[in-house]
Amino acid sequence: MKSETIVKTPQASRYLRQLCKHFAHKIETRHDNYRGTCIFPHSTAELAATEETLAIAIEAADRHGLESGQSVVWTHLVRFAFREDLGAPDWRIVPEA
């Protein structure tokens, strides 16, 4: 299963790096200024930053893993972006190929 959301923020690259560095204390992560991967036990998060957006894709074997990944990434992003109102995430399920 896979879901995606896009967050409009001029701080996308900064948040991507913060998320990956924060999660790196407990899980495997890889990142540069524009792409990041966080490998959780229940899911994998792929992050992509542009000048104006942060795209977040969560992939998991089941709905529980998907929802866990969404929750973990989103709650941490909101904490790091406390100066901004990011609104609510619009998670969209990506059809399997």
PDB file of N, CA and C in Angstrom:
ATOM      1  N   MET A   1       0.839  -1.179   0.000  1.00  0.00           N
ATOM      2  CA  MET A   1       0.000   0.000   0.000  1.00  0.00           C
ATOM      3  C   MET A   1       0.886   1.245   0.000  1.00  0.00           C
ATOM      4  N   LYS A   2       0.362   2.285  -0.641  1.00  0.00           N
ATOM      5  CA  LYS A   2       1.132   3.522  -0.697  1.00  0.00           C
ATOM      6  C   LYS A   2       0.183   4.718  -0.643  1.00  0.00           C
ATOM      7  N   SER A   3       0.601   5.750   0.094  1.00  0.00           N
ATOM      8  CA  SER A   3      -0.163   6.994   0.136  1.00  0.00           C
ATOM      9  C   SER A   3       0.801   8.158  -0.031  1.00  0.00           C
ATOM     10  N   GLU A   4       0.239   9.284  -0.492  1.00  0.00           N
ATOM     11  CA  GLU A   4       1.051  10.475  -0.723  1.00  0.00           C
ATOM     12  C   GLU A   4       0.292  11.720  -0.266  1.00  0.00           C
ATOM     13  N   THR A   5       1.057  12.723   0.124  1.00  0.00           N
ATOM     14  CA  THR A   5       0.513  14.046   0.377  1.00  0.00           C
ATOM     15  C   THR A   5       1.559  15.072  -0.021  1.00  0.00           C
ATOM     16  N   ILE A   6       1.098  16.262  -0.328  1.00  0.00           N
ATOM     17  CA  ILE A   6       2.002  17.362  -0.683  1.00  0.00           C
ATOM     18  C   ILE A   6       1.720  18.527   0.254  1.00  0.00           C
ATOM     19  N   VAL A   7       2.786  19.063   0.829  1.00  0.00           N
ATOM     20  CA  VAL A   7       2.694  20.171   1.772  1.00  0.00           C
ATOM     21  C   VAL A   7       3.293  21.404   1.119  1.00  0.00           C
ATOM     22  N   LYS A   8       2.537  22.482   1.102  1.00  0.00           N
ATOM     23  CA  LYS A   8       3.064  23.740   0.556  1.00  0.00           C
ATOM     24  C   LYS A   8       3.809  24.462   1.672  1.00  0.00           C
ATOM     25  N   THR A   9       5.114  24.653   1.463  1.00  0.00           N
ATOM     26  CA  THR A   9       5.946  25.363   2.429  1.00  0.00           C
ATOM     27  C   THR A   9       7.240  25.817   1.763  1.00  0.00           C
ATOM     28  N   PRO A  10       7.660  27.035   2.038  1.00  0.00           N
ATOM     29  CA  PRO A  10       8.944  27.488   1.495  1.00  0.00           C
ATOM     30  C   PRO A  10      10.137  26.879   2.245  1.00  0.00           C
ATOM     31  N   GLN A  11       9.857  26.145   3.311  1.00  0.00           N
ATOM     32  CA  GLN A  11      10.908  25.516   4.123  1.00  0.00           C
ATOM     33  C   GLN A  11      11.038  24.010   3.855  1.00  0.00           C
ATOM     34  N   ALA A  12      10.580  23.546   2.718  1.00  0.00           N
ATOM     35  CA  ALA A  12      10.521  22.110   2.422  1.00  0.00           C
ATOM     36  C   ALA A  12      11.867  21.404   2.599  1.00  0.00           C
ATOM     37  N   SER A  13      12.923  21.950   2.037  1.00  0.00           N
ATOM     38  CA  SER A  13      14.236  21.317   2.137  1.00  0.00           C
ATOM     39  C   SER A  13      14.704  21.257   3.592  1.00  0.00           C
ATOM     40  N   ARG A  14      14.486  22.320   4.311  1.00  0.00           N
ATOM     41  CA  ARG A  14      14.869  22.361   5.730  1.00  0.00           C
ATOM     42  C   ARG A  14      14.136  21.282   6.529  1.00  0.00           C
ATOM     43  N   TYR A  15      12.831  21.166   6.321  1.00  0.00           N
ATOM     44  CA  TYR A  15      12.057  20.169   7.056  1.00  0.00           C
ATOM     45  C   TYR A  15      12.463  18.750   6.666  1.00  0.00           C
ATOM     46  N   LEU A  16      12.732  18.531   5.395  1.00  0.00           N
ATOM     47  CA  LEU A  16      13.190  17.217   4.945  1.00  0.00           C
ATOM     48  C   LEU A  16      14.455  16.815   5.701  1.00  0.00           C
ATOM     49  N   ARG A  17      15.422  17.726   5.761  1.00  0.00           N
ATOM     50  CA  ARG A  17      16.676  17.429   6.464  1.00  0.00           C
ATOM     51  C   ARG A  17      16.445  17.217   7.954  1.00  0.00           C
ATOM     52  N   GLN A  18      15.589  18.041   8.565  1.00  0.00           N
ATOM     53  CA  GLN A  18      15.299  17.892   9.993  1.00  0.00           C
ATOM     54  C   GLN A  18      14.668  16.540  10.285  1.00  0.00           C
ATOM     55  N   LEU A  19      13.694  16.161   9.490  1.00  0.00           N
ATOM     56  CA  LEU A  19      13.025  14.875   9.698  1.00  0.00           C
ATOM     57  C   LEU A  19      14.023  13.723   9.592  1.00  0.00           C
ATOM     58  N   CYS A  20      14.801  13.716   8.526  1.00  0.00           N
ATOM     59  CA  CYS A  20      15.757  12.620   8.327  1.00  0.00           C
ATOM     60  C   CYS A  20      16.809  12.576   9.430  1.00  0.00           C
ATOM     61  N   LYS A  21      17.338  13.718   9.812  1.00  0.00           N
ATOM     62  CA  LYS A  21      18.344  13.745  10.883  1.00  0.00           C
ATOM     63  C   LYS A  21      17.746  13.294  12.210  1.00  0.00           C
ATOM     64  N   HIS A  22      16.522  13.712  12.486  1.00  0.00           N
ATOM     65  CA  HIS A  22      15.866  13.313  13.729  1.00  0.00           C
ATOM     66  C   HIS A  22      15.637  11.799  13.769  1.00  0.00           C
ATOM     67  N   PHE A  23      15.082  11.256  12.701  1.00  0.00           N
ATOM     68  CA  PHE A  23      14.793   9.824  12.668  1.00  0.00           C
ATOM     69  C   PHE A  23      16.065   8.978  12.621  1.00  0.00           C
ATOM     70  N   ALA A  24      17.165   9.532  12.137  1.00  0.00           N
ATOM     71  CA  ALA A  24      18.422   8.788  12.016  1.00  0.00           C
ATOM     72  C   ALA A  24      18.954   8.308  13.361  1.00  0.00           C
ATOM     73  N   HIS A  25      18.473   8.881  14.453  1.00  0.00           N
ATOM     74  CA  HIS A  25      18.901   8.430  15.775  1.00  0.00           C
ATOM     75  C   HIS A  25      18.366   7.041  16.109  1.00  0.00           C
ATOM     76  N   LYS A  26      17.302   6.615  15.408  1.00  0.00           N
ATOM     77  CA  LYS A  26      16.684   5.321  15.733  1.00  0.00           C
ATOM     78  C   LYS A  26      16.513   4.383  14.545  1.00  0.00           C
ATOM     79  N   ILE A  27      16.471   4.936  13.329  1.00  0.00           N
ATOM     80  CA  ILE A  27      16.235   4.096  12.154  1.00  0.00           C
ATOM     81  C   ILE A  27      17.204   4.473  11.038  1.00  0.00           C
ATOM     82  N   GLU A  28      17.205   3.674   9.987  1.00  0.00           N
ATOM     83  CA  GLU A  28      18.044   3.968   8.828  1.00  0.00           C
ATOM     84  C   GLU A  28      17.411   5.081   7.997  1.00  0.00           C
ATOM     85  N   THR A  29      18.210   6.080   7.669  1.00  0.00           N
ATOM     86  CA  THR A  29      17.748   7.172   6.801  1.00  0.00           C
ATOM     87  C   THR A  29      18.844   7.518   5.804  1.00  0.00           C
ATOM     88  N   ARG A  30      18.422   8.130   4.703  1.00  0.00           N
ATOM     89  CA  ARG A  30      19.341   8.683   3.714  1.00  0.00           C
ATOM     90  C   ARG A  30      18.722   9.991   3.256  1.00  0.00           C
ATOM     91  N   HIS A  31      19.575  10.989   3.024  1.00  0.00           N
ATOM     92  CA  HIS A  31      19.005  12.238   2.520  1.00  0.00           C
ATOM     93  C   HIS A  31      20.083  13.162   1.947  1.00  0.00           C
ATOM     94  N   ASP A  32      19.610  14.059   1.113  1.00  0.00           N
ATOM     95  CA  ASP A  32      20.380  15.219   0.694  1.00  0.00           C
ATOM     96  C   ASP A  32      19.434  16.406   0.855  1.00  0.00           C
ATOM     97  N   ASN A  33      19.665  17.498   0.183  1.00  0.00           N
ATOM     98  CA  ASN A  33      18.803  18.671   0.366  1.00  0.00           C
ATOM     99  C   ASN A  33      17.419  18.532  -0.256  1.00  0.00           C
ATOM    100  N   TYR A  34      17.259  17.586  -1.199  1.00  0.00           N
ATOM    101  CA  TYR A  34      16.006  17.510  -1.937  1.00  0.00           C
ATOM    102  C   TYR A  34      15.306  16.157  -1.915  1.00  0.00           C
ATOM    103  N   ARG A  35      15.974  15.135  -1.422  1.00  0.00           N
ATOM    104  CA  ARG A  35      15.371  13.796  -1.349  1.00  0.00           C
ATOM    105  C   ARG A  35      15.768  13.130  -0.044  1.00  0.00           C
ATOM    106  N   GLY A  36      14.819  12.379   0.519  1.00  0.00           N
ATOM    107  CA  GLY A  36      15.118  11.658   1.744  1.00  0.00           C
ATOM    108  C   GLY A  36      14.319  10.367   1.830  1.00  0.00           C
ATOM    109  N   THR A  37      14.883   9.389   2.525  1.00  0.00           N
ATOM    110  CA  THR A  37      14.230   8.117   2.764  1.00  0.00           C
ATOM    111  C   THR A  37      14.379   7.767   4.235  1.00  0.00           C
ATOM    112  N   CYS A  38      13.273   7.363   4.850  1.00  0.00           N
ATOM    113  CA  CYS A  38      13.271   6.932   6.258  1.00  0.00           C
ATOM    114  C   CYS A  38      12.655   5.539   6.303  1.00  0.00           C
ATOM    115  N   ILE A  39      13.425   4.573   6.800  1.00  0.00           N
ATOM    116  CA  ILE A  39      12.959   3.188   6.809  1.00  0.00           C
ATOM    117  C   ILE A  39      12.550   2.803   8.224  1.00  0.00           C
ATOM    118  N   PHE A  40      11.234   2.848   8.470  1.00  0.00           N
ATOM    119  CA  PHE A  40      10.670   2.473   9.764  1.00  0.00           C
ATOM    120  C   PHE A  40      10.403   0.970   9.781  1.00  0.00           C
ATOM    121  N   PRO A  41      10.209   0.371  10.958  1.00  0.00           N
ATOM    122  CA  PRO A  41       9.869  -1.054  10.999  1.00  0.00           C
ATOM    123  C   PRO A  41       8.542  -1.362  10.292  1.00  0.00           C
ATOM    124  N   HIS A  42       7.612  -0.417  10.289  1.00  0.00           N
ATOM    125  CA  HIS A  42       6.272  -0.641   9.751  1.00  0.00           C
ATOM    126  C   HIS A  42       6.044  -0.046   8.368  1.00  0.00           C
ATOM    127  N   SER A  43       6.947   0.822   7.915  1.00  0.00           N
ATOM    128  CA  SER A  43       6.739   1.502   6.638  1.00  0.00           C
ATOM    129  C   SER A  43       8.017   2.204   6.193  1.00  0.00           C
ATOM    130  N   THR A  44       7.980   2.718   4.974  1.00  0.00           N
ATOM    131  CA  THR A  44       9.079   3.521   4.445  1.00  0.00           C
ATOM    132  C   THR A  44       8.508   4.851   3.976  1.00  0.00           C
ATOM    133  N   ALA A  45       9.187   5.924   4.343  1.00  0.00           N
ATOM    134  CA  ALA A  45       8.782   7.265   3.920  1.00  0.00           C
ATOM    135  C   ALA A  45       9.786   7.789   2.904  1.00  0.00           C
ATOM    136  N   GLU A  46       9.284   8.282   1.797  1.00  0.00           N
ATOM    137  CA  GLU A  46      10.099   8.935   0.775  1.00  0.00           C
ATOM    138  C   GLU A  46       9.705  10.403   0.765  1.00  0.00           C
ATOM    139  N   LEU A  47      10.683  11.292   0.889  1.00  0.00           N
ATOM    140  CA  LEU A  47      10.438  12.726   0.934  1.00  0.00           C
ATOM    141  C   LEU A  47      11.111  13.391  -0.254  1.00  0.00           C
ATOM    142  N   ALA A  48      10.433  14.378  -0.841  1.00  0.00           N
ATOM    143  CA  ALA A  48      11.003  15.124  -1.968  1.00  0.00           C
ATOM    144  C   ALA A  48      10.661  16.603  -1.794  1.00  0.00           C
ATOM    145  N   ALA A  49      11.686  17.442  -1.790  1.00  0.00           N
ATOM    146  CA  ALA A  49      11.491  18.878  -1.584  1.00  0.00           C
ATOM    147  C   ALA A  49      11.740  19.656  -2.871  1.00  0.00           C
ATOM    148  N   THR A  50      10.917  20.675  -3.068  1.00  0.00           N
ATOM    149  CA  THR A  50      11.150  21.674  -4.103  1.00  0.00           C
ATOM    150  C   THR A  50      11.225  23.020  -3.390  1.00  0.00           C
ATOM    151  N   GLU A  51      11.283  24.086  -4.128  1.00  0.00           N
ATOM    152  CA  GLU A  51      11.335  25.422  -3.522  1.00  0.00           C
ATOM    153  C   GLU A  51      10.057  25.742  -2.747  1.00  0.00           C
ATOM    154  N   GLU A  52       8.935  25.121  -3.123  1.00  0.00           N
ATOM    155  CA  GLU A  52       7.647  25.477  -2.525  1.00  0.00           C
ATOM    156  C   GLU A  52       6.864  24.320  -1.928  1.00  0.00           C
ATOM    157  N   THR A  53       7.312  23.073  -2.118  1.00  0.00           N
ATOM    158  CA  THR A  53       6.523  21.946  -1.614  1.00  0.00           C
ATOM    159  C   THR A  53       7.411  20.837  -1.035  1.00  0.00           C
ATOM    160  N   LEU A  54       6.799  20.094  -0.127  1.00  0.00           N
ATOM    161  CA  LEU A  54       7.400  18.875   0.400  1.00  0.00           C
ATOM    162  C   LEU A  54       6.425  17.742   0.092  1.00  0.00           C
ATOM    163  N   ALA A  55       6.843  16.827  -0.773  1.00  0.00           N
ATOM    164  CA  ALA A  55       6.034  15.661  -1.104  1.00  0.00           C
ATOM    165  C   ALA A  55       6.440  14.525  -0.176  1.00  0.00           C
ATOM    166  N   ILE A  56       5.441  13.871   0.411  1.00  0.00           N
ATOM    167  CA  ILE A  56       5.687  12.766   1.327  1.00  0.00           C
ATOM    168  C   ILE A  56       4.949  11.548   0.799  1.00  0.00           C
ATOM    169  N   ALA A  57       5.658  10.448   0.615  1.00  0.00           N
ATOM    170  CA  ALA A  57       5.053   9.184   0.191  1.00  0.00           C
ATOM    171  C   ALA A  57       5.368   8.131   1.249  1.00  0.00           C
ATOM    172  N   ILE A  58       4.347   7.429   1.693  1.00  0.00           N
ATOM    173  CA  ILE A  58       4.497   6.370   2.687  1.00  0.00           C
ATOM    174  C   ILE A  58       4.116   5.055   2.019  1.00  0.00           C
ATOM    175  N   GLU A  59       4.963   4.038   2.187  1.00  0.00           N
ATOM    176  CA  GLU A  59       4.667   2.719   1.641  1.00  0.00           C
ATOM    177  C   GLU A  59       4.757   1.694   2.759  1.00  0.00           C
ATOM    178  N   ALA A  60       3.782   0.780   2.791  1.00  0.00           N
ATOM    179  CA  ALA A  60       3.735  -0.236   3.846  1.00  0.00           C
ATOM    180  C   ALA A  60       3.038  -1.486   3.318  1.00  0.00           C
ATOM    181  N   ALA A  61       3.205  -2.581   4.040  1.00  0.00           N
ATOM    182  CA  ALA A  61       2.604  -3.851   3.644  1.00  0.00           C
ATOM    183  C   ALA A  61       1.103  -3.898   3.928  1.00  0.00           C
ATOM    184  N   ASP A  62       0.654  -3.117   4.929  1.00  0.00           N
ATOM    185  CA  ASP A  62      -0.760  -3.161   5.302  1.00  0.00           C
ATOM    186  C   ASP A  62      -1.238  -1.787   5.785  1.00  0.00           C
ATOM    187  N   ARG A  63      -2.530  -1.681   6.015  1.00  0.00           N
ATOM    188  CA  ARG A  63      -3.129  -0.400   6.419  1.00  0.00           C
ATOM    189  C   ARG A  63      -2.557   0.101   7.741  1.00  0.00           C
ATOM    190  N   HIS A  64      -2.327  -0.788   8.691  1.00  0.00           N
ATOM    191  CA  HIS A  64      -1.771  -0.384   9.984  1.00  0.00           C
ATOM    192  C   HIS A  64      -0.399   0.269   9.796  1.00  0.00           C
ATOM    193  N   GLY A  65       0.455  -0.347   9.006  1.00  0.00           N
ATOM    194  CA  GLY A  65       1.777   0.216   8.742  1.00  0.00           C
ATOM    195  C   GLY A  65       1.689   1.551   8.024  1.00  0.00           C
ATOM    196  N   LEU A  66       0.752   1.647   7.073  1.00  0.00           N
ATOM    197  CA  LEU A  66       0.559   2.882   6.332  1.00  0.00           C
ATOM    198  C   LEU A  66       0.131   4.012   7.269  1.00  0.00           C
ATOM    199  N   GLU A  67      -0.851   3.738   8.102  1.00  0.00           N
ATOM    200  CA  GLU A  67      -1.344   4.758   9.031  1.00  0.00           C
ATOM    201  C   GLU A  67      -0.286   5.129  10.067  1.00  0.00           C
ATOM    202  N   SER A  68       0.494   4.154  10.505  1.00  0.00           N
ATOM    203  CA  SER A  68       1.582   4.435  11.448  1.00  0.00           C
ATOM    204  C   SER A  68       2.613   5.359  10.822  1.00  0.00           C
ATOM    205  N   GLY A  69       3.016   5.063   9.598  1.00  0.00           N
ATOM    206  CA  GLY A  69       3.989   5.895   8.899  1.00  0.00           C
ATOM    207  C   GLY A  69       3.480   7.307   8.690  1.00  0.00           C
ATOM    208  N   GLN A  70       2.233   7.430   8.279  1.00  0.00           N
ATOM    209  CA  GLN A  70       1.636   8.748   8.089  1.00  0.00           C
ATOM    210  C   GLN A  70       1.655   9.536   9.394  1.00  0.00           C
ATOM    211  N   SER A  71       1.240   8.900  10.460  1.00  0.00           N
ATOM    212  CA  SER A  71       1.153   9.565  11.760  1.00  0.00           C
ATOM    213  C   SER A  71       2.521  10.013  12.267  1.00  0.00           C
ATOM    214  N   VAL A  72       3.500   9.130  12.201  1.00  0.00           N
ATOM    215  CA  VAL A  72       4.833   9.448  12.713  1.00  0.00           C
ATOM    216  C   VAL A  72       5.449  10.615  11.940  1.00  0.00           C
ATOM    217  N   VAL A  73       5.410  10.540  10.627  1.00  0.00           N
ATOM    218  CA  VAL A  73       6.020  11.597   9.820  1.00  0.00           C
ATOM    219  C   VAL A  73       5.261  12.914  10.004  1.00  0.00           C
ATOM    220  N   TRP A  74       3.928  12.861   9.966  1.00  0.00           N
ATOM    221  CA  TRP A  74       3.154  14.097  10.061  1.00  0.00           C
ATOM    222  C   TRP A  74       3.303  14.770  11.423  1.00  0.00           C
ATOM    223  N   THR A  75       3.234  14.004  12.520  1.00  0.00           N
ATOM    224  CA  THR A  75       3.339  14.627  13.845  1.00  0.00           C
ATOM    225  C   THR A  75       4.707  15.278  14.044  1.00  0.00           C
ATOM    226  N   HIS A  76       5.748  14.653  13.529  1.00  0.00           N
ATOM    227  CA  HIS A  76       7.076  15.252  13.644  1.00  0.00           C
ATOM    228  C   HIS A  76       7.202  16.490  12.750  1.00  0.00           C
ATOM    229  N   LEU A  77       6.652  16.431  11.549  1.00  0.00           N
ATOM    230  CA  LEU A  77       6.701  17.589  10.661  1.00  0.00           C
ATOM    231  C   LEU A  77       5.992  18.784  11.306  1.00  0.00           C
ATOM    232  N   VAL A  78       4.819  18.564  11.876  1.00  0.00           N
ATOM    233  CA  VAL A  78       4.077  19.649  12.522  1.00  0.00           C
ATOM    234  C   VAL A  78       4.886  20.231  13.676  1.00  0.00           C
ATOM    235  N   ARG A  79       5.560  19.383  14.422  1.00  0.00           N
ATOM    236  CA  ARG A  79       6.397  19.855  15.526  1.00  0.00           C
ATOM    237  C   ARG A  79       7.544  20.735  15.015  1.00  0.00           C
ATOM    238  N   PHE A  80       8.191  20.328  13.931  1.00  0.00           N
ATOM    239  CA  PHE A  80       9.308  21.102  13.384  1.00  0.00           C
ATOM    240  C   PHE A  80       8.825  22.398  12.719  1.00  0.00           C
ATOM    241  N   ALA A  81       7.606  22.390  12.200  1.00  0.00           N
ATOM    242  CA  ALA A  81       7.065  23.542  11.467  1.00  0.00           C
ATOM    243  C   ALA A  81       6.122  24.367  12.339  1.00  0.00           C
ATOM    244  N   PHE A  82       6.396  24.444  13.627  1.00  0.00           N
ATOM    245  CA  PHE A  82       5.482  25.109  14.562  1.00  0.00           C
ATOM    246  C   PHE A  82       5.233  26.583  14.226  1.00  0.00           C
ATOM    247  N   ARG A  83       6.100  27.192  13.464  1.00  0.00           N
ATOM    248  CA  ARG A  83       5.906  28.600  13.084  1.00  0.00           C
ATOM    249  C   ARG A  83       4.939  28.759  11.911  1.00  0.00           C
ATOM    250  N   GLU A  84       4.586  27.650  11.271  1.00  0.00           N
ATOM    251  CA  GLU A  84       3.692  27.668  10.106  1.00  0.00           C
ATOM    252  C   GLU A  84       2.421  26.892  10.409  1.00  0.00           C
ATOM    253  N   ASP A  85       1.354  27.254   9.729  1.00  0.00           N
ATOM    254  CA  ASP A  85       0.135  26.453   9.775  1.00  0.00           C
ATOM    255  C   ASP A  85       0.115  25.610   8.502  1.00  0.00           C
ATOM    256  N   LEU A  86       0.446  24.350   8.642  1.00  0.00           N
ATOM    257  CA  LEU A  86       0.522  23.466   7.481  1.00  0.00           C
ATOM    258  C   LEU A  86      -0.845  22.948   7.057  1.00  0.00           C
ATOM    259  N   GLY A  87      -1.852  23.178   7.899  1.00  0.00           N
ATOM    260  CA  GLY A  87      -3.167  22.632   7.600  1.00  0.00           C
ATOM    261  C   GLY A  87      -3.184  21.143   7.876  1.00  0.00           C
ATOM    262  N   ALA A  88      -4.218  20.481   7.425  1.00  0.00           N
ATOM    263  CA  ALA A  88      -4.342  19.030   7.604  1.00  0.00           C
ATOM    264  C   ALA A  88      -3.789  18.327   6.368  1.00  0.00           C
ATOM    265  N   PRO A  89      -3.163  17.177   6.553  1.00  0.00           N
ATOM    266  CA  PRO A  89      -2.642  16.455   5.383  1.00  0.00           C
ATOM    267  C   PRO A  89      -3.776  15.862   4.559  1.00  0.00           C
ATOM    268  N   ASP A  90      -3.587  15.825   3.271  1.00  0.00           N
ATOM    269  CA  ASP A  90      -4.545  15.216   2.356  1.00  0.00           C
ATOM    270  C   ASP A  90      -3.913  13.944   1.792  1.00  0.00           C
ATOM    271  N   TRP A  91      -3.914  12.885   2.603  1.00  0.00           N
ATOM    272  CA  TRP A  91      -3.295  11.632   2.187  1.00  0.00           C
ATOM    273  C   TRP A  91      -4.140  10.984   1.102  1.00  0.00           C
ATOM    274  N   ARG A  92      -3.502  10.657   0.002  1.00  0.00           N
ATOM    275  CA  ARG A  92      -4.185   9.994  -1.110  1.00  0.00           C
ATOM    276  C   ARG A  92      -3.559   8.623  -1.332  1.00  0.00           C
ATOM    277  N   ILE A  93      -4.400   7.616  -1.435  1.00  0.00           N
ATOM    278  CA  ILE A  93      -3.918   6.266  -1.711  1.00  0.00           C
ATOM    279  C   ILE A  93      -3.492   6.207  -3.182  1.00  0.00           C
ATOM    280  N   VAL A  94      -2.317   5.658  -3.406  1.00  0.00           N
ATOM    281  CA  VAL A  94      -1.783   5.505  -4.761  1.00  0.00           C
ATOM    282  C   VAL A  94      -2.168   4.106  -5.249  1.00  0.00           C
ATOM    283  N   PRO A  95      -2.869   4.027  -6.367  1.00  0.00           N
ATOM    284  CA  PRO A  95      -3.254   2.707  -6.897  1.00  0.00           C
ATOM    285  C   PRO A  95      -2.009   1.870  -7.211  1.00  0.00           C
ATOM    286  N   GLU A  96      -2.105   0.595  -6.913  1.00  0.00           N
ATOM    287  CA  GLU A  96      -0.984  -0.308  -7.200  1.00  0.00           C
ATOM    288  C   GLU A  96      -0.912  -0.568  -8.699  1.00  0.00           C
ATOM    289  N   ALA A  97       0.304  -0.647  -9.185  1.00  0.00           N
ATOM    290  CA  ALA A  97       0.517  -0.853 -10.618  1.00  0.00           C
ATOM    291  C   ALA A  97       0.307  -2.293 -11.013  1.00  0.00           C
TER     292      ALA A  97
END
